[in-house]
Amino acid sequence: MLYVAFLPIIDQELNAKIRPAHLDYLNDLYKQDKVFMAGPFTDKEGGLVIYKAASLEEARKLAEADPVVAQGARTLELREWSPLEFPLA
């Protein structure tokens, strides 16, 4: 299953400090086939990560272990996602 993590920044200074560890963390998960896609929003107010996980609990553990979440630079909203397969008809 896919799970989308919305990660709004709540502390810009702390986020800037932790961002390299955040990117390393996501890159490591990508290599383990646990991240499908990730990136910042163009307004610079946060970003999102699409996790691949067997359950919501696994996805939550991955998302909460992200340094920007664990250290309080960003909040987390995690939702299960079921993308449509195109073409629809």
PDB file of N, CA and C in Angstrom:
ATOM      1  N   MET A   1       0.838  -1.185   0.000  1.00  0.00           N
ATOM      2  CA  MET A   1       0.000   0.000   0.000  1.00  0.00           C
ATOM      3  C   MET A   1       0.881   1.245   0.000  1.00  0.00           C
ATOM      4  N   LEU A   2       0.263   2.321  -0.421  1.00  0.00           N
ATOM      5  CA  LEU A   2       0.953   3.616  -0.415  1.00  0.00           C
ATOM      6  C   LEU A   2       0.337   4.510   0.653  1.00  0.00           C
ATOM      7  N   TYR A   3       1.190   5.280   1.303  1.00  0.00           N
ATOM      8  CA  TYR A   3       0.777   6.190   2.367  1.00  0.00           C
ATOM      9  C   TYR A   3       1.430   7.533   2.116  1.00  0.00           C
ATOM     10  N   VAL A   4       0.621   8.596   2.166  1.00  0.00           N
ATOM     11  CA  VAL A   4       1.117   9.938   1.897  1.00  0.00           C
ATOM     12  C   VAL A   4       1.302  10.673   3.223  1.00  0.00           C
ATOM     13  N   ALA A   5       2.505  11.185   3.409  1.00  0.00           N
ATOM     14  CA  ALA A   5       2.825  11.975   4.598  1.00  0.00           C
ATOM     15  C   ALA A   5       2.948  13.433   4.186  1.00  0.00           C
ATOM     16  N   PHE A   6       2.039  14.278   4.694  1.00  0.00           N
ATOM     17  CA  PHE A   6       2.139  15.721   4.514  1.00  0.00           C
ATOM     18  C   PHE A   6       2.980  16.244   5.677  1.00  0.00           C
ATOM     19  N   LEU A   7       3.997  17.045   5.360  1.00  0.00           N
ATOM     20  CA  LEU A   7       4.968  17.487   6.368  1.00  0.00           C
ATOM     21  C   LEU A   7       5.112  19.002   6.379  1.00  0.00           C
ATOM     22  N   PRO A   8       4.125  19.730   6.924  1.00  0.00           N
ATOM     23  CA  PRO A   8       4.250  21.183   7.019  1.00  0.00           C
ATOM     24  C   PRO A   8       5.362  21.586   7.995  1.00  0.00           C
ATOM     25  N   ILE A   9       6.130  22.587   7.604  1.00  0.00           N
ATOM     26  CA  ILE A   9       7.211  23.094   8.458  1.00  0.00           C
ATOM     27  C   ILE A   9       6.612  23.977   9.545  1.00  0.00           C
ATOM     28  N   ILE A  10       7.018  23.737  10.788  1.00  0.00           N
ATOM     29  CA  ILE A  10       6.573  24.591  11.889  1.00  0.00           C
ATOM     30  C   ILE A  10       7.732  25.379  12.497  1.00  0.00           C
ATOM     31  N   ASP A  11       8.956  25.005  12.174  1.00  0.00           N
ATOM     32  CA  ASP A  11      10.140  25.720  12.655  1.00  0.00           C
ATOM     33  C   ASP A  11      11.157  25.758  11.505  1.00  0.00           C
ATOM     34  N   GLN A  12      11.175  26.886  10.777  1.00  0.00           N
ATOM     35  CA  GLN A  12      12.027  27.008   9.593  1.00  0.00           C
ATOM     36  C   GLN A  12      13.514  26.854   9.923  1.00  0.00           C
ATOM     37  N   GLU A  13      13.958  27.459  11.009  1.00  0.00           N
ATOM     38  CA  GLU A  13      15.370  27.399  11.376  1.00  0.00           C
ATOM     39  C   GLU A  13      15.791  25.965  11.715  1.00  0.00           C
ATOM     40  N   LEU A  14      14.997  25.291  12.529  1.00  0.00           N
ATOM     41  CA  LEU A  14      15.292  23.910  12.887  1.00  0.00           C
ATOM     42  C   LEU A  14      15.221  23.013  11.650  1.00  0.00           C
ATOM     43  N   ASN A  15      14.239  23.247  10.795  1.00  0.00           N
ATOM     44  CA  ASN A  15      14.112  22.468   9.572  1.00  0.00           C
ATOM     45  C   ASN A  15      15.365  22.587   8.705  1.00  0.00           C
ATOM     46  N   ALA A  16      15.872  23.798   8.546  1.00  0.00           N
ATOM     47  CA  ALA A  16      17.071  24.007   7.732  1.00  0.00           C
ATOM     48  C   ALA A  16      18.262  23.239   8.315  1.00  0.00           C
ATOM     49  N   LYS A  17      18.349  23.208   9.634  1.00  0.00           N
ATOM     50  CA  LYS A  17      19.446  22.505  10.307  1.00  0.00           C
ATOM     51  C   LYS A  17      19.344  20.982  10.098  1.00  0.00           C
ATOM     52  N   ILE A  18      18.129  20.445  10.166  1.00  0.00           N
ATOM     53  CA  ILE A  18      17.910  19.005  10.126  1.00  0.00           C
ATOM     54  C   ILE A  18      17.748  18.474   8.697  1.00  0.00           C
ATOM     55  N   ARG A  19      17.514  19.342   7.735  1.00  0.00           N
ATOM     56  CA  ARG A  19      17.196  18.910   6.369  1.00  0.00           C
ATOM     57  C   ARG A  19      18.193  17.904   5.779  1.00  0.00           C
ATOM     58  N   PRO A  20      19.509  18.087   5.952  1.00  0.00           N
ATOM     59  CA  PRO A  20      20.425  17.064   5.400  1.00  0.00           C
ATOM     60  C   PRO A  20      20.162  15.659   5.961  1.00  0.00           C
ATOM     61  N   ALA A  21      19.880  15.554   7.254  1.00  0.00           N
ATOM     62  CA  ALA A  21      19.573  14.249   7.855  1.00  0.00           C
ATOM     63  C   ALA A  21      18.246  13.718   7.321  1.00  0.00           C
ATOM     64  N   HIS A  22      17.287  14.592   7.107  1.00  0.00           N
ATOM     65  CA  HIS A  22      15.987  14.236   6.525  1.00  0.00           C
ATOM     66  C   HIS A  22      16.185  13.631   5.136  1.00  0.00           C
ATOM     67  N   LEU A  23      16.982  14.289   4.306  1.00  0.00           N
ATOM     68  CA  LEU A  23      17.222  13.803   2.946  1.00  0.00           C
ATOM     69  C   LEU A  23      17.982  12.476   2.951  1.00  0.00           C
ATOM     70  N   ASP A  24      18.957  12.344   3.838  1.00  0.00           N
ATOM     71  CA  ASP A  24      19.683  11.068   3.971  1.00  0.00           C
ATOM     72  C   ASP A  24      18.732   9.944   4.386  1.00  0.00           C
ATOM     73  N   TYR A  25      17.849  10.253   5.318  1.00  0.00           N
ATOM     74  CA  TYR A  25      16.887   9.269   5.804  1.00  0.00           C
ATOM     75  C   TYR A  25      15.983   8.799   4.663  1.00  0.00           C
ATOM     76  N   LEU A  26      15.434   9.749   3.907  1.00  0.00           N
ATOM     77  CA  LEU A  26      14.554   9.393   2.797  1.00  0.00           C
ATOM     78  C   LEU A  26      15.300   8.621   1.717  1.00  0.00           C
ATOM     79  N   ASN A  27      16.531   9.006   1.436  1.00  0.00           N
ATOM     80  CA  ASN A  27      17.322   8.311   0.431  1.00  0.00           C
ATOM     81  C   ASN A  27      17.586   6.861   0.842  1.00  0.00           C
ATOM     82  N   ASP A  28      17.886   6.659   2.119  1.00  0.00           N
ATOM     83  CA  ASP A  28      18.089   5.305   2.625  1.00  0.00           C
ATOM     84  C   ASP A  28      16.812   4.465   2.496  1.00  0.00           C
ATOM     85  N   LEU A  29      15.664   5.067   2.823  1.00  0.00           N
ATOM     86  CA  LEU A  29      14.400   4.349   2.694  1.00  0.00           C
ATOM     87  C   LEU A  29      14.070   4.060   1.232  1.00  0.00           C
ATOM     88  N   TYR A  30      14.411   4.976   0.352  1.00  0.00           N
ATOM     89  CA  TYR A  30      14.194   4.747  -1.080  1.00  0.00           C
ATOM     90  C   TYR A  30      14.990   3.516  -1.541  1.00  0.00           C
ATOM     91  N   LYS A  31      16.232   3.427  -1.097  1.00  0.00           N
ATOM     92  CA  LYS A  31      17.076   2.277  -1.461  1.00  0.00           C
ATOM     93  C   LYS A  31      16.508   0.962  -0.927  1.00  0.00           C
ATOM     94  N   GLN A  32      15.720   1.038   0.161  1.00  0.00           N
ATOM     95  CA  GLN A  32      15.071  -0.138   0.737  1.00  0.00           C
ATOM     96  C   GLN A  32      13.684  -0.381   0.134  1.00  0.00           C
ATOM     97  N   ASP A  33      13.320   0.418  -0.870  1.00  0.00           N
ATOM     98  CA  ASP A  33      12.016   0.354  -1.535  1.00  0.00           C
ATOM     99  C   ASP A  33      10.871   0.675  -0.581  1.00  0.00           C
ATOM    100  N   LYS A  34      11.119   1.608   0.346  1.00  0.00           N
ATOM    101  CA  LYS A  34      10.093   2.046   1.293  1.00  0.00           C
ATOM    102  C   LYS A  34       9.561   3.444   0.969  1.00  0.00           C
ATOM    103  N   VAL A  35      10.229   4.157   0.050  1.00  0.00           N
ATOM    104  CA  VAL A  35       9.751   5.474  -0.387  1.00  0.00           C
ATOM    105  C   VAL A  35       9.521   5.415  -1.886  1.00  0.00           C
ATOM    106  N   PHE A  36       8.320   5.797  -2.285  1.00  0.00           N
ATOM    107  CA  PHE A  36       7.957   5.824  -3.694  1.00  0.00           C
ATOM    108  C   PHE A  36       8.377   7.147  -4.326  1.00  0.00           C
ATOM    109  N   MET A  37       8.087   8.245  -3.635  1.00  0.00           N
ATOM    110  CA  MET A  37       8.393   9.571  -4.149  1.00  0.00           C
ATOM    111  C   MET A  37       8.349  10.565  -2.988  1.00  0.00           C
ATOM    112  N   ALA A  38       9.087  11.667  -3.146  1.00  0.00           N
ATOM    113  CA  ALA A  38       9.090  12.701  -2.103  1.00  0.00           C
ATOM    114  C   ALA A  38       9.524  14.023  -2.722  1.00  0.00           C
ATOM    115  N   GLY A  39       9.178  15.114  -2.062  1.00  0.00           N
ATOM    116  CA  GLY A  39       9.643  16.407  -2.525  1.00  0.00           C
ATOM    117  C   GLY A  39       8.978  17.558  -1.803  1.00  0.00           C
ATOM    118  N   PRO A  40       9.583  18.743  -1.946  1.00  0.00           N
ATOM    119  CA  PRO A  40       9.061  19.936  -1.279  1.00  0.00           C
ATOM    120  C   PRO A  40       7.922  20.572  -2.079  1.00  0.00           C
ATOM    121  N   PHE A  41       7.090  21.320  -1.374  1.00  0.00           N
ATOM    122  CA  PHE A  41       6.099  22.160  -2.031  1.00  0.00           C
ATOM    123  C   PHE A  41       6.800  23.429  -2.521  1.00  0.00           C
ATOM    124  N   THR A  42       6.337  23.984  -3.613  1.00  0.00           N
ATOM    125  CA  THR A  42       7.006  25.152  -4.196  1.00  0.00           C
ATOM    126  C   THR A  42       6.887  26.400  -3.328  1.00  0.00           C
ATOM    127  N   ASP A  43       5.946  26.421  -2.387  1.00  0.00           N
ATOM    128  CA  ASP A  43       5.818  27.586  -1.495  1.00  0.00           C
ATOM    129  C   ASP A  43       6.802  27.550  -0.331  1.00  0.00           C
ATOM    130  N   LYS A  44       7.641  26.497  -0.271  1.00  0.00           N
ATOM    131  CA  LYS A  44       8.681  26.337   0.758  1.00  0.00           C
ATOM    132  C   LYS A  44       8.120  26.178   2.175  1.00  0.00           C
ATOM    133  N   GLU A  45       6.856  25.747   2.270  1.00  0.00           N
ATOM    134  CA  GLU A  45       6.214  25.598   3.579  1.00  0.00           C
ATOM    135  C   GLU A  45       6.159  24.151   4.048  1.00  0.00           C
ATOM    136  N   GLY A  46       6.833  23.247   3.318  1.00  0.00           N
ATOM    137  CA  GLY A  46       6.832  21.842   3.686  1.00  0.00           C
ATOM    138  C   GLY A  46       6.937  20.970   2.459  1.00  0.00           C
ATOM    139  N   GLY A  47       6.543  19.719   2.611  1.00  0.00           N
ATOM    140  CA  GLY A  47       6.612  18.789   1.498  1.00  0.00           C
ATOM    141  C   GLY A  47       5.816  17.543   1.801  1.00  0.00           C
ATOM    142  N   LEU A  48       6.004  16.540   0.933  1.00  0.00           N
ATOM    143  CA  LEU A  48       5.320  15.281   1.179  1.00  0.00           C
ATOM    144  C   LEU A  48       6.217  14.116   0.809  1.00  0.00           C
ATOM    145  N   VAL A  49       5.895  12.991   1.423  1.00  0.00           N
ATOM    146  CA  VAL A  49       6.588  11.739   1.158  1.00  0.00           C
ATOM    147  C   VAL A  49       5.513  10.690   0.913  1.00  0.00           C
ATOM    148  N   ILE A  50       5.703   9.886  -0.118  1.00  0.00           N
ATOM    149  CA  ILE A  50       4.818   8.753  -0.353  1.00  0.00           C
ATOM    150  C   ILE A  50       5.594   7.496   0.022  1.00  0.00           C
ATOM    151  N   TYR A  51       5.141   6.873   1.106  1.00  0.00           N
ATOM    152  CA  TYR A  51       5.775   5.661   1.618  1.00  0.00           C
ATOM    153  C   TYR A  51       5.123   4.416   1.026  1.00  0.00           C
ATOM    154  N   LYS A  52       5.926   3.374   0.850  1.00  0.00           N
ATOM    155  CA  LYS A  52       5.426   2.033   0.533  1.00  0.00           C
ATOM    156  C   LYS A  52       5.540   1.229   1.826  1.00  0.00           C
ATOM    157  N   ALA A  53       4.411   0.708   2.296  1.00  0.00           N
ATOM    158  CA  ALA A  53       4.437  -0.038   3.554  1.00  0.00           C
ATOM    159  C   ALA A  53       3.327  -1.079   3.553  1.00  0.00           C
ATOM    160  N   ALA A  54       3.498  -2.092   4.384  1.00  0.00           N
ATOM    161  CA  ALA A  54       2.516  -3.164   4.489  1.00  0.00           C
ATOM    162  C   ALA A  54       1.297  -2.763   5.303  1.00  0.00           C
ATOM    163  N   SER A  55       1.433  -1.724   6.129  1.00  0.00           N
ATOM    164  CA  SER A  55       0.325  -1.299   6.992  1.00  0.00           C
ATOM    165  C   SER A  55       0.487   0.181   7.350  1.00  0.00           C
ATOM    166  N   LEU A  56      -0.603   0.739   7.846  1.00  0.00           N
ATOM    167  CA  LEU A  56      -0.561   2.117   8.330  1.00  0.00           C
ATOM    168  C   LEU A  56       0.419   2.237   9.493  1.00  0.00           C
ATOM    169  N   GLU A  57       0.474   1.227  10.340  1.00  0.00           N
ATOM    170  CA  GLU A  57       1.379   1.253  11.490  1.00  0.00           C
ATOM    171  C   GLU A  57       2.841   1.314  11.031  1.00  0.00           C
ATOM    172  N   GLU A  58       3.188   0.511  10.019  1.00  0.00           N
ATOM    173  CA  GLU A  58       4.554   0.546   9.505  1.00  0.00           C
ATOM    174  C   GLU A  58       4.863   1.917   8.896  1.00  0.00           C
ATOM    175  N   ALA A  59       3.930   2.443   8.117  1.00  0.00           N
ATOM    176  CA  ALA A  59       4.137   3.761   7.504  1.00  0.00           C
ATOM    177  C   ALA A  59       4.297   4.835   8.572  1.00  0.00           C
ATOM    178  N   ARG A  60       3.495   4.750   9.634  1.00  0.00           N
ATOM    179  CA  ARG A  60       3.592   5.738  10.720  1.00  0.00           C
ATOM    180  C   ARG A  60       4.954   5.661  11.405  1.00  0.00           C
ATOM    181  N   LYS A  61       5.454   4.454  11.637  1.00  0.00           N
ATOM    182  CA  LYS A  61       6.779   4.306  12.251  1.00  0.00           C
ATOM    183  C   LYS A  61       7.862   4.918  11.370  1.00  0.00           C
ATOM    184  N   LEU A  62       7.777   4.678  10.067  1.00  0.00           N
ATOM    185  CA  LEU A  62       8.754   5.266   9.140  1.00  0.00           C
ATOM    186  C   LEU A  62       8.674   6.786   9.160  1.00  0.00           C
ATOM    187  N   ALA A  63       7.456   7.319   9.089  1.00  0.00           N
ATOM    188  CA  ALA A  63       7.267   8.771   9.041  1.00  0.00           C
ATOM    189  C   ALA A  63       7.686   9.444  10.348  1.00  0.00           C
ATOM    190  N   GLU A  64       7.343   8.834  11.469  1.00  0.00           N
ATOM    191  CA  GLU A  64       7.689   9.433  12.765  1.00  0.00           C
ATOM    192  C   GLU A  64       9.181   9.363  13.054  1.00  0.00           C
ATOM    193  N   ALA A  65       9.899   8.440  12.408  1.00  0.00           N
ATOM    194  CA  ALA A  65      11.350   8.346  12.592  1.00  0.00           C
ATOM    195  C   ALA A  65      12.122   9.332  11.719  1.00  0.00           C
ATOM    196  N   ASP A  66      11.443   9.991  10.788  1.00  0.00           N
ATOM    197  CA  ASP A  66      12.093  11.011   9.960  1.00  0.00           C
ATOM    198  C   ASP A  66      12.624  12.102  10.894  1.00  0.00           C
ATOM    199  N   PRO A  67      13.886  12.481  10.776  1.00  0.00           N
ATOM    200  CA  PRO A  67      14.453  13.478  11.683  1.00  0.00           C
ATOM    201  C   PRO A  67      13.664  14.788  11.792  1.00  0.00           C
ATOM    202  N   VAL A  68      13.063  15.262  10.690  1.00  0.00           N
ATOM    203  CA  VAL A  68      12.322  16.528  10.773  1.00  0.00           C
ATOM    204  C   VAL A  68      11.051  16.394  11.605  1.00  0.00           C
ATOM    205  N   VAL A  69      10.484  15.194  11.662  1.00  0.00           N
ATOM    206  CA  VAL A  69       9.311  14.943  12.498  1.00  0.00           C
ATOM    207  C   VAL A  69       9.757  14.639  13.925  1.00  0.00           C
ATOM    208  N   ALA A  70      10.718  13.730  14.062  1.00  0.00           N
ATOM    209  CA  ALA A  70      11.177  13.302  15.384  1.00  0.00           C
ATOM    210  C   ALA A  70      11.732  14.460  16.207  1.00  0.00           C
ATOM    211  N   GLN A  71      12.354  15.438  15.527  1.00  0.00           N
ATOM    212  CA  GLN A  71      12.958  16.562  16.252  1.00  0.00           C
ATOM    213  C   GLN A  71      12.079  17.811  16.275  1.00  0.00           C
ATOM    214  N   GLY A  72      10.854  17.722  15.747  1.00  0.00           N
ATOM    215  CA  GLY A  72       9.881  18.800  15.900  1.00  0.00           C
ATOM    216  C   GLY A  72       9.964  19.948  14.918  1.00  0.00           C
ATOM    217  N   ALA A  73      10.645  19.771  13.793  1.00  0.00           N
ATOM    218  CA  ALA A  73      10.695  20.833  12.789  1.00  0.00           C
ATOM    219  C   ALA A  73       9.450  20.851  11.911  1.00  0.00           C
ATOM    220  N   ARG A  74       8.785  19.696  11.806  1.00  0.00           N
ATOM    221  CA  ARG A  74       7.588  19.577  10.976  1.00  0.00           C
ATOM    222  C   ARG A  74       6.535  18.746  11.696  1.00  0.00           C
ATOM    223  N   THR A  75       5.294  19.002  11.352  1.00  0.00           N
ATOM    224  CA  THR A  75       4.205  18.157  11.822  1.00  0.00           C
ATOM    225  C   THR A  75       3.955  17.082  10.772  1.00  0.00           C
ATOM    226  N   LEU A  76       3.150  16.099  11.129  1.00  0.00           N
ATOM    227  CA  LEU A  76       2.895  14.956  10.256  1.00  0.00           C
ATOM    228  C   LEU A  76       1.405  14.707  10.139  1.00  0.00           C
ATOM    229  N   GLU A  77       0.923  14.608   8.908  1.00  0.00           N
ATOM    230  CA  GLU A  77      -0.404  14.079   8.624  1.00  0.00           C
ATOM    231  C   GLU A  77      -0.190  12.911   7.678  1.00  0.00           C
ATOM    232  N   LEU A  78      -0.611  11.720   8.073  1.00  0.00           N
ATOM    233  CA  LEU A  78      -0.368  10.511   7.296  1.00  0.00           C
ATOM    234  C   LEU A  78      -1.703   9.924   6.858  1.00  0.00           C
ATOM    235  N   ARG A  79      -1.811   9.632   5.540  1.00  0.00           N
ATOM    236  CA  ARG A  79      -3.054   9.088   5.002  1.00  0.00           C
ATOM    237  C   ARG A  79      -2.760   7.967   4.020  1.00  0.00           C
ATOM    238  N   GLU A  80      -3.589   6.921   4.066  1.00  0.00           N
ATOM    239  CA  GLU A  80      -3.491   5.852   3.084  1.00  0.00           C
ATOM    240  C   GLU A  80      -3.980   6.393   1.743  1.00  0.00           C
ATOM    241  N   TRP A  81      -3.298   5.987   0.664  1.00  0.00           N
ATOM    242  CA  TRP A  81      -3.614   6.528  -0.658  1.00  0.00           C
ATOM    243  C   TRP A  81      -3.832   5.397  -1.639  1.00  0.00           C
ATOM    244  N   SER A  82      -4.886   5.513  -2.401  1.00  0.00           N
ATOM    245  CA  SER A  82      -5.205   4.536  -3.428  1.00  0.00           C
ATOM    246  C   SER A  82      -5.258   5.258  -4.773  1.00  0.00           C
ATOM    247  N   PRO A  83      -4.135   5.324  -5.484  1.00  0.00           N
ATOM    248  CA  PRO A  83      -4.129   6.065  -6.743  1.00  0.00           C
ATOM    249  C   PRO A  83      -4.974   5.386  -7.819  1.00  0.00           C
ATOM    250  N   LEU A  84      -5.565   6.199  -8.649  1.00  0.00           N
ATOM    251  CA  LEU A  84      -6.315   5.680  -9.781  1.00  0.00           C
ATOM    252  C   LEU A  84      -5.362   5.152 -10.842  1.00  0.00           C
ATOM    253  N   GLU A  85      -5.821   4.193 -11.598  1.00  0.00           N
ATOM    254  CA  GLU A  85      -5.032   3.682 -12.717  1.00  0.00           C
ATOM    255  C   GLU A  85      -5.667   4.202 -13.998  1.00  0.00           C
ATOM    256  N   PHE A  86      -4.910   4.939 -14.765  1.00  0.00           N
ATOM    257  CA  PHE A  86      -5.393   5.530 -15.999  1.00  0.00           C
ATOM    258  C   PHE A  86      -4.954   4.721 -17.199  1.00  0.00           C
ATOM    259  N   PRO A  87      -5.689   4.739 -18.276  1.00  0.00           N
ATOM    260  CA  PRO A  87      -6.943   5.446 -18.467  1.00  0.00           C
ATOM    261  C   PRO A  87      -8.083   4.772 -17.702  1.00  0.00           C
ATOM    262  N   LEU A  88      -9.080   5.580 -17.323  1.00  0.00           N
ATOM    263  CA  LEU A  88     -10.190   5.063 -16.530  1.00  0.00           C
ATOM    264  C   LEU A  88     -11.161   4.249 -17.370  1.00  0.00           C
ATOM    265  N   ALA A  89     -11.278   4.606 -18.628  1.00  0.00           N
ATOM    266  CA  ALA A  89     -12.232   3.864 -19.478  1.00  0.00           C
ATOM    267  C   ALA A  89     -11.659   3.649 -20.852  1.00  0.00           C
TER     268      ALA A  89
END
